[in-house]
Amino acid sequence: MYIIDKKPYPCCTSVTMRFIGGKWKAVILIHLAKGSKRYNELRKLIPTITERTLSLQLKQLEEDNIIDRKVFTKKPPLMVEYTLTAFGKTLLPVLNEIAKWGEQATEKSKKIIRNEIS
């Protein structure tokens, strides 16, 4: 049994999913794996995410030390940039394996329809 923020997790897999679970965290991390992004860049890359959800997910990832939030105040308007931390980069092999499994699942499942968004 593992306890994080006073919540019990029965196994290491559930701990991992606590950090990257949900619909959007992995998507955000995959985009940040390609380099630092500003909030508006992420919004454009993930057009179906709401602003509130993106803000909440970024905040959670920052609190978990998976991403770093850097504020640039040198020139107006204020600019905020998000980057993977060293700890966050350790998730990339896991996310790549999840993506590979997802590719296999789309090929084998008759229920999944692949729709490319251009």
PDB file of N, CA and C in Angstrom:
ATOM      1  N   MET A   1       0.856  -1.180   0.000  1.00  0.00           N
ATOM      2  CA  MET A   1       0.000   0.000   0.000  1.00  0.00           C
ATOM      3  C   MET A   1       0.897   1.236   0.000  1.00  0.00           C
ATOM      4  N   TYR A   2       0.534   2.197  -0.813  1.00  0.00           N
ATOM      5  CA  TYR A   2       1.257   3.466  -0.907  1.00  0.00           C
ATOM      6  C   TYR A   2       0.289   4.591  -0.550  1.00  0.00           C
ATOM      7  N   ILE A   3       0.791   5.618   0.099  1.00  0.00           N
ATOM      8  CA  ILE A   3      -0.061   6.746   0.455  1.00  0.00           C
ATOM      9  C   ILE A   3       0.574   8.019  -0.087  1.00  0.00           C
ATOM     10  N   ILE A   4      -0.214   8.742  -0.870  1.00  0.00           N
ATOM     11  CA  ILE A   4       0.211  10.026  -1.423  1.00  0.00           C
ATOM     12  C   ILE A   4      -0.871  11.033  -1.086  1.00  0.00           C
ATOM     13  N   ASP A   5      -0.477  12.124  -0.463  1.00  0.00           N
ATOM     14  CA  ASP A   5      -1.445  13.153  -0.055  1.00  0.00           C
ATOM     15  C   ASP A   5      -2.614  12.549   0.724  1.00  0.00           C
ATOM     16  N   LYS A   6      -2.295  11.629   1.609  1.00  0.00           N
ATOM     17  CA  LYS A   6      -3.256  10.962   2.492  1.00  0.00           C
ATOM     18  C   LYS A   6      -4.239  10.047   1.759  1.00  0.00           C
ATOM     19  N   LYS A   7      -3.979   9.762   0.474  1.00  0.00           N
ATOM     20  CA  LYS A   7      -4.836   8.858  -0.287  1.00  0.00           C
ATOM     21  C   LYS A   7      -4.089   7.545  -0.506  1.00  0.00           C
ATOM     22  N   PRO A   8      -4.754   6.423  -0.257  1.00  0.00           N
ATOM     23  CA  PRO A   8      -4.092   5.127  -0.444  1.00  0.00           C
ATOM     24  C   PRO A   8      -4.102   4.667  -1.906  1.00  0.00           C
ATOM     25  N   TYR A   9      -3.008   4.042  -2.306  1.00  0.00           N
ATOM     26  CA  TYR A   9      -2.879   3.458  -3.637  1.00  0.00           C
ATOM     27  C   TYR A   9      -2.433   2.013  -3.447  1.00  0.00           C
ATOM     28  N   PRO A  10      -3.171   1.059  -4.016  1.00  0.00           N
ATOM     29  CA  PRO A  10      -2.904  -0.344  -3.729  1.00  0.00           C
ATOM     30  C   PRO A  10      -1.643  -0.924  -4.370  1.00  0.00           C
ATOM     31  N   CYS A  11      -1.142  -0.288  -5.456  1.00  0.00           N
ATOM     32  CA  CYS A  11       0.035  -0.842  -6.134  1.00  0.00           C
ATOM     33  C   CYS A  11       0.777   0.262  -6.883  1.00  0.00           C
ATOM     34  N   CYS A  12       1.950  -0.090  -7.389  1.00  0.00           N
ATOM     35  CA  CYS A  12       2.781   0.889  -8.110  1.00  0.00           C
ATOM     36  C   CYS A  12       2.105   1.381  -9.392  1.00  0.00           C
ATOM     37  N   THR A  13       1.325   0.504 -10.023  1.00  0.00           N
ATOM     38  CA  THR A  13       0.623   0.918 -11.245  1.00  0.00           C
ATOM     39  C   THR A  13      -0.366   2.028 -10.930  1.00  0.00           C
ATOM     40  N   SER A  14      -1.077   1.910  -9.836  1.00  0.00           N
ATOM     41  CA  SER A  14      -2.037   2.956  -9.465  1.00  0.00           C
ATOM     42  C   SER A  14      -1.314   4.255  -9.108  1.00  0.00           C
ATOM     43  N   VAL A  15      -0.111   4.154  -8.555  1.00  0.00           N
ATOM     44  CA  VAL A  15       0.689   5.351  -8.272  1.00  0.00           C
ATOM     45  C   VAL A  15       1.054   6.037  -9.587  1.00  0.00           C
ATOM     46  N   THR A  16       1.508   5.255 -10.553  1.00  0.00           N
ATOM     47  CA  THR A  16       1.862   5.818 -11.867  1.00  0.00           C
ATOM     48  C   THR A  16       0.661   6.507 -12.497  1.00  0.00           C
ATOM     49  N   MET A  17      -0.493   5.847 -12.449  1.00  0.00           N
ATOM     50  CA  MET A  17      -1.685   6.424 -13.055  1.00  0.00           C
ATOM     51  C   MET A  17      -2.148   7.678 -12.324  1.00  0.00           C
ATOM     52  N   ARG A  18      -1.844   7.780 -11.048  1.00  0.00           N
ATOM     53  CA  ARG A  18      -2.165   9.000 -10.302  1.00  0.00           C
ATOM     54  C   ARG A  18      -1.419  10.195 -10.901  1.00  0.00           C
ATOM     55  N   PHE A  19      -0.194   9.949 -11.371  1.00  0.00           N
ATOM     56  CA  PHE A  19       0.610  11.021 -11.951  1.00  0.00           C
ATOM     57  C   PHE A  19       0.245  11.334 -13.399  1.00  0.00           C
ATOM     58  N   ILE A  20      -0.093  10.315 -14.191  1.00  0.00           N
ATOM     59  CA  ILE A  20      -0.313  10.555 -15.624  1.00  0.00           C
ATOM     60  C   ILE A  20      -1.708  10.193 -16.100  1.00  0.00           C
ATOM     61  N   GLY A  21      -2.576   9.750 -15.188  1.00  0.00           N
ATOM     62  CA  GLY A  21      -3.904   9.290 -15.576  1.00  0.00           C
ATOM     63  C   GLY A  21      -4.811  10.413 -16.040  1.00  0.00           C
ATOM     64  N   GLY A  22      -5.910  10.018 -16.600  1.00  0.00           N
ATOM     65  CA  GLY A  22      -6.872  10.975 -17.126  1.00  0.00           C
ATOM     66  C   GLY A  22      -6.692  11.141 -18.623  1.00  0.00           C
ATOM     67  N   LYS A  23      -7.555  11.921 -19.182  1.00  0.00           N
ATOM     68  CA  LYS A  23      -7.592  12.074 -20.639  1.00  0.00           C
ATOM     69  C   LYS A  23      -6.472  12.957 -21.178  1.00  0.00           C
ATOM     70  N   TRP A  24      -5.975  13.919 -20.391  1.00  0.00           N
ATOM     71  CA  TRP A  24      -5.134  14.961 -20.956  1.00  0.00           C
ATOM     72  C   TRP A  24      -3.679  14.993 -20.517  1.00  0.00           C
ATOM     73  N   LYS A  25      -3.354  14.469 -19.348  1.00  0.00           N
ATOM     74  CA  LYS A  25      -1.982  14.604 -18.857  1.00  0.00           C
ATOM     75  C   LYS A  25      -0.960  13.999 -19.816  1.00  0.00           C
ATOM     76  N   ALA A  26      -1.209  12.801 -20.284  1.00  0.00           N
ATOM     77  CA  ALA A  26      -0.263  12.160 -21.202  1.00  0.00           C
ATOM     78  C   ALA A  26      -0.126  12.961 -22.493  1.00  0.00           C
ATOM     79  N   VAL A  27      -1.222  13.516 -22.977  1.00  0.00           N
ATOM     80  CA  VAL A  27      -1.193  14.324 -24.205  1.00  0.00           C
ATOM     81  C   VAL A  27      -0.323  15.565 -23.986  1.00  0.00           C
ATOM     82  N   ILE A  28      -0.505  16.218 -22.864  1.00  0.00           N
ATOM     83  CA  ILE A  28       0.298  17.396 -22.532  1.00  0.00           C
ATOM     84  C   ILE A  28       1.778  17.014 -22.468  1.00  0.00           C
ATOM     85  N   LEU A  29       2.074  15.915 -21.799  1.00  0.00           N
ATOM     86  CA  LEU A  29       3.465  15.491 -21.646  1.00  0.00           C
ATOM     87  C   LEU A  29       4.109  15.135 -22.980  1.00  0.00           C
ATOM     88  N   ILE A  30       3.364  14.501 -23.865  1.00  0.00           N
ATOM     89  CA  ILE A  30       3.907  14.169 -25.195  1.00  0.00           C
ATOM     90  C   ILE A  30       4.270  15.441 -25.953  1.00  0.00           C
ATOM     91  N   HIS A  31       3.432  16.465 -25.853  1.00  0.00           N
ATOM     92  CA  HIS A  31       3.747  17.735 -26.521  1.00  0.00           C
ATOM     93  C   HIS A  31       4.958  18.409 -25.880  1.00  0.00           C
ATOM     94  N   LEU A  32       5.065  18.348 -24.570  1.00  0.00           N
ATOM     95  CA  LEU A  32       6.213  18.954 -23.888  1.00  0.00           C
ATOM     96  C   LEU A  32       7.492  18.163 -24.116  1.00  0.00           C
ATOM     97  N   ALA A  33       7.377  16.893 -24.475  1.00  0.00           N
ATOM     98  CA  ALA A  33       8.557  16.085 -24.795  1.00  0.00           C
ATOM     99  C   ALA A  33       9.281  16.635 -26.024  1.00  0.00           C
ATOM    100  N   LYS A  34       8.543  17.338 -26.863  1.00  0.00           N
ATOM    101  CA  LYS A  34       9.118  17.921 -28.080  1.00  0.00           C
ATOM    102  C   LYS A  34       9.759  19.275 -27.820  1.00  0.00           C
ATOM    103  N   GLY A  35       9.635  19.768 -26.590  1.00  0.00           N
ATOM    104  CA  GLY A  35      10.237  21.050 -26.221  1.00  0.00           C
ATOM    105  C   GLY A  35       9.284  21.899 -25.409  1.00  0.00           C
ATOM    106  N   SER A  36       9.821  22.946 -24.825  1.00  0.00           N
ATOM    107  CA  SER A  36       9.035  23.856 -23.995  1.00  0.00           C
ATOM    108  C   SER A  36       7.906  24.470 -24.811  1.00  0.00           C
ATOM    109  N   LYS A  37       6.791  24.684 -24.131  1.00  0.00           N
ATOM    110  CA  LYS A  37       5.626  25.286 -24.792  1.00  0.00           C
ATOM    111  C   LYS A  37       4.998  26.319 -23.876  1.00  0.00           C
ATOM    112  N   ARG A  38       4.428  27.339 -24.498  1.00  0.00           N
ATOM    113  CA  ARG A  38       3.624  28.304 -23.758  1.00  0.00           C
ATOM    114  C   ARG A  38       2.194  27.778 -23.679  1.00  0.00           C
ATOM    115  N   TYR A  39       1.429  28.356 -22.770  1.00  0.00           N
ATOM    116  CA  TYR A  39       0.047  27.940 -22.551  1.00  0.00           C
ATOM    117  C   TYR A  39      -0.746  27.970 -23.861  1.00  0.00           C
ATOM    118  N   ASN A  40      -0.665  29.073 -24.591  1.00  0.00           N
ATOM    119  CA  ASN A  40      -1.437  29.198 -25.839  1.00  0.00           C
ATOM    120  C   ASN A  40      -0.987  28.202 -26.900  1.00  0.00           C
ATOM    121  N   GLU A  41       0.284  27.853 -26.898  1.00  0.00           N
ATOM    122  CA  GLU A  41       0.756  26.826 -27.836  1.00  0.00           C
ATOM    123  C   GLU A  41       0.099  25.487 -27.517  1.00  0.00           C
ATOM    124  N   LEU A  42       0.042  25.156 -26.234  1.00  0.00           N
ATOM    125  CA  LEU A  42      -0.610  23.908 -25.839  1.00  0.00           C
ATOM    126  C   LEU A  42      -2.095  23.923 -26.204  1.00  0.00           C
ATOM    127  N   ARG A  43      -2.753  25.052 -26.013  1.00  0.00           N
ATOM    128  CA  ARG A  43      -4.179  25.166 -26.382  1.00  0.00           C
ATOM    129  C   ARG A  43      -4.377  24.894 -27.873  1.00  0.00           C
ATOM    130  N   LYS A  44      -3.471  25.398 -28.698  1.00  0.00           N
ATOM    131  CA  LYS A  44      -3.592  25.173 -30.145  1.00  0.00           C
ATOM    132  C   LYS A  44      -3.292  23.727 -30.517  1.00  0.00           C
ATOM    133  N   LEU A  45      -2.337  23.122 -29.806  1.00  0.00           N
ATOM    134  CA  LEU A  45      -1.979  21.733 -30.083  1.00  0.00           C
ATOM    135  C   LEU A  45      -3.053  20.755 -29.616  1.00  0.00           C
ATOM    136  N   ILE A  46      -3.832  21.153 -28.611  1.00  0.00           N
ATOM    137  CA  ILE A  46      -4.884  20.301 -28.042  1.00  0.00           C
ATOM    138  C   ILE A  46      -6.201  21.086 -28.115  1.00  0.00           C
ATOM    139  N   PRO A  47      -6.757  21.237 -29.300  1.00  0.00           N
ATOM    140  CA  PRO A  47      -7.915  22.126 -29.460  1.00  0.00           C
ATOM    141  C   PRO A  47      -9.177  21.697 -28.726  1.00  0.00           C
ATOM    142  N   THR A  48      -9.299  20.419 -28.360  1.00  0.00           N
ATOM    143  CA  THR A  48     -10.520  19.967 -27.703  1.00  0.00           C
ATOM    144  C   THR A  48     -10.468  20.061 -26.179  1.00  0.00           C
ATOM    145  N   ILE A  49      -9.352  20.488 -25.622  1.00  0.00           N
ATOM    146  CA  ILE A  49      -9.255  20.646 -24.173  1.00  0.00           C
ATOM    147  C   ILE A  49      -9.803  22.026 -23.790  1.00  0.00           C
ATOM    148  N   THR A  50     -10.498  22.096 -22.672  1.00  0.00           N
ATOM    149  CA  THR A  50     -10.994  23.394 -22.219  1.00  0.00           C
ATOM    150  C   THR A  50      -9.871  24.143 -21.508  1.00  0.00           C
ATOM    151  N   GLU A  51      -9.995  25.458 -21.439  1.00  0.00           N
ATOM    152  CA  GLU A  51      -8.983  26.257 -20.753  1.00  0.00           C
ATOM    153  C   GLU A  51      -8.879  25.869 -19.286  1.00  0.00           C
ATOM    154  N   ARG A  52     -10.008  25.646 -18.657  1.00  0.00           N
ATOM    155  CA  ARG A  52     -10.021  25.268 -17.240  1.00  0.00           C
ATOM    156  C   ARG A  52      -9.298  23.943 -17.018  1.00  0.00           C
ATOM    157  N   THR A  53      -9.589  22.969 -17.869  1.00  0.00           N
ATOM    158  CA  THR A  53      -8.955  21.664 -17.731  1.00  0.00           C
ATOM    159  C   THR A  53      -7.459  21.756 -17.968  1.00  0.00           C
ATOM    160  N   LEU A  54      -7.059  22.483 -19.001  1.00  0.00           N
ATOM    161  CA  LEU A  54      -5.631  22.644 -19.270  1.00  0.00           C
ATOM    162  C   LEU A  54      -4.932  23.287 -18.081  1.00  0.00           C
ATOM    163  N   SER A  55      -5.513  24.329 -17.538  1.00  0.00           N
ATOM    164  CA  SER A  55      -4.924  25.005 -16.375  1.00  0.00           C
ATOM    165  C   SER A  55      -4.800  24.059 -15.185  1.00  0.00           C
ATOM    166  N   LEU A  56      -5.851  23.293 -14.910  1.00  0.00           N
ATOM    167  CA  LEU A  56      -5.821  22.347 -13.790  1.00  0.00           C
ATOM    168  C   LEU A  56      -4.778  21.250 -13.988  1.00  0.00           C
ATOM    169  N   GLN A  57      -4.717  20.717 -15.196  1.00  0.00           N
ATOM    170  CA  GLN A  57      -3.763  19.649 -15.471  1.00  0.00           C
ATOM    171  C   GLN A  57      -2.323  20.153 -15.366  1.00  0.00           C
ATOM    172  N   LEU A  58      -2.073  21.353 -15.895  1.00  0.00           N
ATOM    173  CA  LEU A  58      -0.736  21.937 -15.798  1.00  0.00           C
ATOM    174  C   LEU A  58      -0.354  22.177 -14.339  1.00  0.00           C
ATOM    175  N   LYS A  59      -1.303  22.653 -13.560  1.00  0.00           N
ATOM    176  CA  LYS A  59      -1.047  22.907 -12.142  1.00  0.00           C
ATOM    177  C   LYS A  59      -0.712  21.607 -11.412  1.00  0.00           C
ATOM    178  N   GLN A  60      -1.476  20.540 -11.678  1.00  0.00           N
ATOM    179  CA  GLN A  60      -1.216  19.251 -11.041  1.00  0.00           C
ATOM    180  C   GLN A  60       0.149  18.695 -11.447  1.00  0.00           C
ATOM    181  N   LEU A  61       0.471  18.793 -12.732  1.00  0.00           N
ATOM    182  CA  LEU A  61       1.761  18.304 -13.204  1.00  0.00           C
ATOM    183  C   LEU A  61       2.915  19.096 -12.586  1.00  0.00           C
ATOM    184  N   GLU A  62       2.709  20.382 -12.396  1.00  0.00           N
ATOM    185  CA  GLU A  62       3.727  21.209 -11.751  1.00  0.00           C
ATOM    186  C   GLU A  62       3.866  20.832 -10.271  1.00  0.00           C
ATOM    187  N   GLU A  63       2.756  20.663  -9.585  1.00  0.00           N
ATOM    188  CA  GLU A  63       2.788  20.275  -8.169  1.00  0.00           C
ATOM    189  C   GLU A  63       3.466  18.918  -7.969  1.00  0.00           C
ATOM    190  N   ASP A  64       3.358  18.043  -8.952  1.00  0.00           N
ATOM    191  CA  ASP A  64       3.980  16.723  -8.877  1.00  0.00           C
ATOM    192  C   ASP A  64       5.421  16.726  -9.380  1.00  0.00           C
ATOM    193  N   ASN A  65       5.950  17.905  -9.692  1.00  0.00           N
ATOM    194  CA  ASN A  65       7.330  18.066 -10.161  1.00  0.00           C
ATOM    195  C   ASN A  65       7.593  17.345 -11.485  1.00  0.00           C
ATOM    196  N   ILE A  66       6.569  17.221 -12.305  1.00  0.00           N
ATOM    197  CA  ILE A  66       6.716  16.587 -13.608  1.00  0.00           C
ATOM    198  C   ILE A  66       7.010  17.637 -14.671  1.00  0.00           C
ATOM    199  N   ILE A  67       6.446  18.821 -14.485  1.00  0.00           N
ATOM    200  CA  ILE A  67       6.760  19.939 -15.380  1.00  0.00           C
ATOM    201  C   ILE A  67       7.215  21.132 -14.547  1.00  0.00           C
ATOM    202  N   ASP A  68       7.910  22.025 -15.217  1.00  0.00           N
ATOM    203  CA  ASP A  68       8.365  23.262 -14.590  1.00  0.00           C
ATOM    204  C   ASP A  68       7.659  24.427 -15.274  1.00  0.00           C
ATOM    205  N   ARG A  69       7.234  25.364 -14.504  1.00  0.00           N
ATOM    206  CA  ARG A  69       6.563  26.568 -15.011  1.00  0.00           C
ATOM    207  C   ARG A  69       7.511  27.738 -14.813  1.00  0.00           C
ATOM    208  N   LYS A  70       7.889  28.373 -15.908  1.00  0.00           N
ATOM    209  CA  LYS A  70       8.808  29.503 -15.827  1.00  0.00           C
ATOM    210  C   LYS A  70       8.094  30.756 -16.333  1.00  0.00           C
ATOM    211  N   VAL A  71       8.147  31.808 -15.516  1.00  0.00           N
ATOM    212  CA  VAL A  71       7.498  33.069 -15.863  1.00  0.00           C
ATOM    213  C   VAL A  71       8.570  34.046 -16.322  1.00  0.00           C
ATOM    214  N   PHE A  72       8.371  34.617 -17.508  1.00  0.00           N
ATOM    215  CA  PHE A  72       9.273  35.626 -18.050  1.00  0.00           C
ATOM    216  C   PHE A  72       8.611  36.989 -17.882  1.00  0.00           C
ATOM    217  N   THR A  73       9.271  37.872 -17.169  1.00  0.00           N
ATOM    218  CA  THR A  73       8.689  39.192 -16.894  1.00  0.00           C
ATOM    219  C   THR A  73       9.464  40.308 -17.577  1.00  0.00           C
ATOM    220  N   LYS A  74      10.448  39.959 -18.379  1.00  0.00           N
ATOM    221  CA  LYS A  74      11.300  40.992 -18.998  1.00  0.00           C
ATOM    222  C   LYS A  74      10.536  41.915 -19.932  1.00  0.00           C
ATOM    223  N   LYS A  75       9.658  41.330 -20.742  1.00  0.00           N
ATOM    224  CA  LYS A  75       8.924  42.194 -21.658  1.00  0.00           C
ATOM    225  C   LYS A  75       7.437  41.883 -21.610  1.00  0.00           C
ATOM    226  N   PRO A  76       6.627  42.915 -21.598  1.00  0.00           N
ATOM    227  CA  PRO A  76       5.179  42.667 -21.619  1.00  0.00           C
ATOM    228  C   PRO A  76       4.767  42.139 -22.985  1.00  0.00           C
ATOM    229  N   PRO A  77       3.716  41.378 -23.101  1.00  0.00           N
ATOM    230  CA  PRO A  77       2.940  40.826 -22.004  1.00  0.00           C
ATOM    231  C   PRO A  77       3.707  39.702 -21.319  1.00  0.00           C
ATOM    232  N   LEU A  78       3.293  39.403 -20.109  1.00  0.00           N
ATOM    233  CA  LEU A  78       3.887  38.344 -19.315  1.00  0.00           C
ATOM    234  C   LEU A  78       3.860  37.033 -20.097  1.00  0.00           C
ATOM    235  N   MET A  79       4.957  36.292 -20.069  1.00  0.00           N
ATOM    236  CA  MET A  79       5.016  35.027 -20.798  1.00  0.00           C
ATOM    237  C   MET A  79       5.312  33.895 -19.818  1.00  0.00           C
ATOM    238  N   VAL A  80       4.571  32.800 -19.934  1.00  0.00           N
ATOM    239  CA  VAL A  80       4.768  31.618 -19.099  1.00  0.00           C
ATOM    240  C   VAL A  80       5.089  30.451 -20.025  1.00  0.00           C
ATOM    241  N   GLU A  81       6.113  29.694 -19.649  1.00  0.00           N
ATOM    242  CA  GLU A  81       6.543  28.566 -20.458  1.00  0.00           C
ATOM    243  C   GLU A  81       6.596  27.312 -19.593  1.00  0.00           C
ATOM    244  N   TYR A  82       6.171  26.191 -20.163  1.00  0.00           N
ATOM    245  CA  TYR A  82       6.162  24.917 -19.458  1.00  0.00           C
ATOM    246  C   TYR A  82       7.188  23.991 -20.091  1.00  0.00           C
ATOM    247  N   THR A  83       7.928  23.283 -19.231  1.00  0.00           N
ATOM    248  CA  THR A  83       8.987  22.381 -19.658  1.00  0.00           C
ATOM    249  C   THR A  83       8.952  21.128 -18.792  1.00  0.00           C
ATOM    250  N   LEU A  84       9.316  20.005 -19.373  1.00  0.00           N
ATOM    251  CA  LEU A  84       9.446  18.787 -18.580  1.00  0.00           C
ATOM    252  C   LEU A  84      10.630  18.920 -17.632  1.00  0.00           C
ATOM    253  N   THR A  85      10.470  18.471 -16.407  1.00  0.00           N
ATOM    254  CA  THR A  85      11.579  18.399 -15.465  1.00  0.00           C
ATOM    255  C   THR A  85      12.368  17.114 -15.759  1.00  0.00           C
ATOM    256  N   ALA A  86      13.498  16.954 -15.100  1.00  0.00           N
ATOM    257  CA  ALA A  86      14.259  15.705 -15.236  1.00  0.00           C
ATOM    258  C   ALA A  86      13.397  14.521 -14.794  1.00  0.00           C
ATOM    259  N   PHE A  87      12.655  14.716 -13.710  1.00  0.00           N
ATOM    260  CA  PHE A  87      11.742  13.675 -13.231  1.00  0.00           C
ATOM    261  C   PHE A  87      10.657  13.396 -14.269  1.00  0.00           C
ATOM    262  N   GLY A  88      10.115  14.441 -14.877  1.00  0.00           N
ATOM    263  CA  GLY A  88       9.101  14.285 -15.905  1.00  0.00           C
ATOM    264  C   GLY A  88       9.614  13.521 -17.116  1.00  0.00           C
ATOM    265  N   LYS A  89      10.872  13.747 -17.468  1.00  0.00           N
ATOM    266  CA  LYS A  89      11.467  13.049 -18.622  1.00  0.00           C
ATOM    267  C   LYS A  89      11.565  11.547 -18.385  1.00  0.00           C
ATOM    268  N   THR A  90      11.605  11.130 -17.116  1.00  0.00           N
ATOM    269  CA  THR A  90      11.654   9.688 -16.842  1.00  0.00           C
ATOM    270  C   THR A  90      10.347   8.996 -17.228  1.00  0.00           C
ATOM    271  N   LEU A  91       9.289   9.768 -17.424  1.00  0.00           N
ATOM    272  CA  LEU A  91       8.006   9.200 -17.851  1.00  0.00           C
ATOM    273  C   LEU A  91       7.951   8.929 -19.360  1.00  0.00           C
ATOM    274  N   LEU A  92       8.845   9.510 -20.133  1.00  0.00           N
ATOM    275  CA  LEU A  92       8.764   9.393 -21.591  1.00  0.00           C
ATOM    276  C   LEU A  92       8.824   7.952 -22.087  1.00  0.00           C
ATOM    277  N   PRO A  93       9.714   7.098 -21.569  1.00  0.00           N
ATOM    278  CA  PRO A  93       9.679   5.698 -22.031  1.00  0.00           C
ATOM    279  C   PRO A  93       8.347   5.010 -21.718  1.00  0.00           C
ATOM    280  N   VAL A  94       7.764   5.330 -20.581  1.00  0.00           N
ATOM    281  CA  VAL A  94       6.461   4.765 -20.200  1.00  0.00           C
ATOM    282  C   VAL A  94       5.396   5.234 -21.187  1.00  0.00           C
ATOM    283  N   LEU A  95       5.381   6.528 -21.479  1.00  0.00           N
ATOM    284  CA  LEU A  95       4.388   7.071 -22.407  1.00  0.00           C
ATOM    285  C   LEU A  95       4.572   6.512 -23.814  1.00  0.00           C
ATOM    286  N   ASN A  96       5.823   6.307 -24.217  1.00  0.00           N
ATOM    287  CA  ASN A  96       6.081   5.715 -25.541  1.00  0.00           C
ATOM    288  C   ASN A  96       5.546   4.293 -25.618  1.00  0.00           C
ATOM    289  N   GLU A  97       5.707   3.520 -24.560  1.00  0.00           N
ATOM    290  CA  GLU A  97       5.176   2.151 -24.536  1.00  0.00           C
ATOM    291  C   GLU A  97       3.646   2.163 -24.538  1.00  0.00           C
ATOM    292  N   ILE A  98       3.048   3.089 -23.810  1.00  0.00           N
ATOM    293  CA  ILE A  98       1.586   3.219 -23.818  1.00  0.00           C
ATOM    294  C   ILE A  98       1.103   3.560 -25.226  1.00  0.00           C
ATOM    295  N   ALA A  99       1.826   4.464 -25.907  1.00  0.00           N
ATOM    296  CA  ALA A  99       1.460   4.840 -27.278  1.00  0.00           C
ATOM    297  C   ALA A  99       1.576   3.643 -28.221  1.00  0.00           C
ATOM    298  N   LYS A 100       2.622   2.839 -28.070  1.00  0.00           N
ATOM    299  CA  LYS A 100       2.783   1.639 -28.905  1.00  0.00           C
ATOM    300  C   LYS A 100       1.619   0.676 -28.688  1.00  0.00           C
ATOM    301  N   TRP A 101       1.251   0.487 -27.430  1.00  0.00           N
ATOM    302  CA  TRP A 101       0.129  -0.395 -27.130  1.00  0.00           C
ATOM    303  C   TRP A 101      -1.146   0.155 -27.760  1.00  0.00           C
ATOM    304  N   GLY A 102      -1.327   1.462 -27.678  1.00  0.00           N
ATOM    305  CA  GLY A 102      -2.505   2.082 -28.281  1.00  0.00           C
ATOM    306  C   GLY A 102      -2.558   1.876 -29.786  1.00  0.00           C
ATOM    307  N   GLU A 103      -1.398   1.953 -30.447  1.00  0.00           N
ATOM    308  CA  GLU A 103      -1.347   1.691 -31.891  1.00  0.00           C
ATOM    309  C   GLU A 103      -1.781   0.256 -32.188  1.00  0.00           C
ATOM    310  N   GLN A 104      -1.266  -0.688 -31.394  1.00  0.00           N
ATOM    311  CA  GLN A 104      -1.646  -2.093 -31.587  1.00  0.00           C
ATOM    312  C   GLN A 104      -3.135  -2.287 -31.335  1.00  0.00           C
ATOM    313  N   ALA A 105      -3.642  -1.628 -30.316  1.00  0.00           N
ATOM    314  CA  ALA A 105      -5.065  -1.766 -29.993  1.00  0.00           C
ATOM    315  C   ALA A 105      -5.936  -1.227 -31.118  1.00  0.00           C
ATOM    316  N   THR A 106      -5.530  -0.128 -31.741  1.00  0.00           N
ATOM    317  CA  THR A 106      -6.339   0.427 -32.834  1.00  0.00           C
ATOM    318  C   THR A 106      -6.342  -0.504 -34.039  1.00  0.00           C
ATOM    319  N   GLU A 107      -5.251  -1.231 -34.227  1.00  0.00           N
ATOM    320  CA  GLU A 107      -5.187  -2.166 -35.350  1.00  0.00           C
ATOM    321  C   GLU A 107      -6.019  -3.418 -35.091  1.00  0.00           C
ATOM    322  N   LYS A 108      -6.072  -3.865 -33.836  1.00  0.00           N
ATOM    323  CA  LYS A 108      -6.728  -5.139 -33.518  1.00  0.00           C
ATOM    324  C   LYS A 108      -8.194  -5.002 -33.122  1.00  0.00           C
ATOM    325  N   SER A 109      -8.571  -3.862 -32.620  1.00  0.00           N
ATOM    326  CA  SER A 109      -9.942  -3.700 -32.141  1.00  0.00           C
ATOM    327  C   SER A 109     -10.844  -3.237 -33.273  1.00  0.00           C
ATOM    328  N   LYS A 110     -11.997  -3.847 -33.349  1.00  0.00           N
ATOM    329  CA  LYS A 110     -12.971  -3.445 -34.355  1.00  0.00           C
ATOM    330  C   LYS A 110     -13.833  -2.296 -33.871  1.00  0.00           C
ATOM    331  N   LYS A 111     -13.672  -1.927 -32.588  1.00  0.00           N
ATOM    332  CA  LYS A 111     -14.476  -0.865 -32.002  1.00  0.00           C
ATOM    333  C   LYS A 111     -13.835   0.511 -32.159  1.00  0.00           C
ATOM    334  N   ILE A 112     -12.536   0.532 -32.446  1.00  0.00           N
ATOM    335  CA  ILE A 112     -11.805   1.805 -32.487  1.00  0.00           C
ATOM    336  C   ILE A 112     -11.723   2.302 -33.918  1.00  0.00           C
ATOM    337  N   ILE A 113     -12.079   3.551 -34.093  1.00  0.00           N
ATOM    338  CA  ILE A 113     -11.948   4.196 -35.385  1.00  0.00           C
ATOM    339  C   ILE A 113     -10.892   5.263 -35.255  1.00  0.00           C
ATOM    340  N   ARG A 114      -9.898   5.215 -36.111  1.00  0.00           N
ATOM    341  CA  ARG A 114      -8.828   6.194 -36.073  1.00  0.00           C
ATOM    342  C   ARG A 114      -9.234   7.381 -36.925  1.00  0.00           C
ATOM    343  N   ASN A 115      -9.214   8.551 -36.307  1.00  0.00           N
ATOM    344  CA  ASN A 115      -9.605   9.774 -37.008  1.00  0.00           C
ATOM    345  C   ASN A 115      -8.460  10.771 -36.885  1.00  0.00           C
ATOM    346  N   GLU A 116      -7.788  11.035 -37.963  1.00  0.00           N
ATOM    347  CA  GLU A 116      -6.682  11.985 -37.969  1.00  0.00           C
ATOM    348  C   GLU A 116      -7.242  13.400 -37.992  1.00  0.00           C
ATOM    349  N   ILE A 117      -6.742  14.233 -37.090  1.00  0.00           N
ATOM    350  CA  ILE A 117      -7.113  15.655 -37.061  1.00  0.00           C
ATOM    351  C   ILE A 117      -5.985  16.428 -37.719  1.00  0.00           C
ATOM    352  N   SER A 118      -6.300  17.173 -38.739  1.00  0.00           N
ATOM    353  CA  SER A 118      -5.237  17.925 -39.406  1.00  0.00           C
ATOM    354  C   SER A 118      -5.123  19.333 -38.902  1.00  0.00           C
TER     355      SER A 118
END
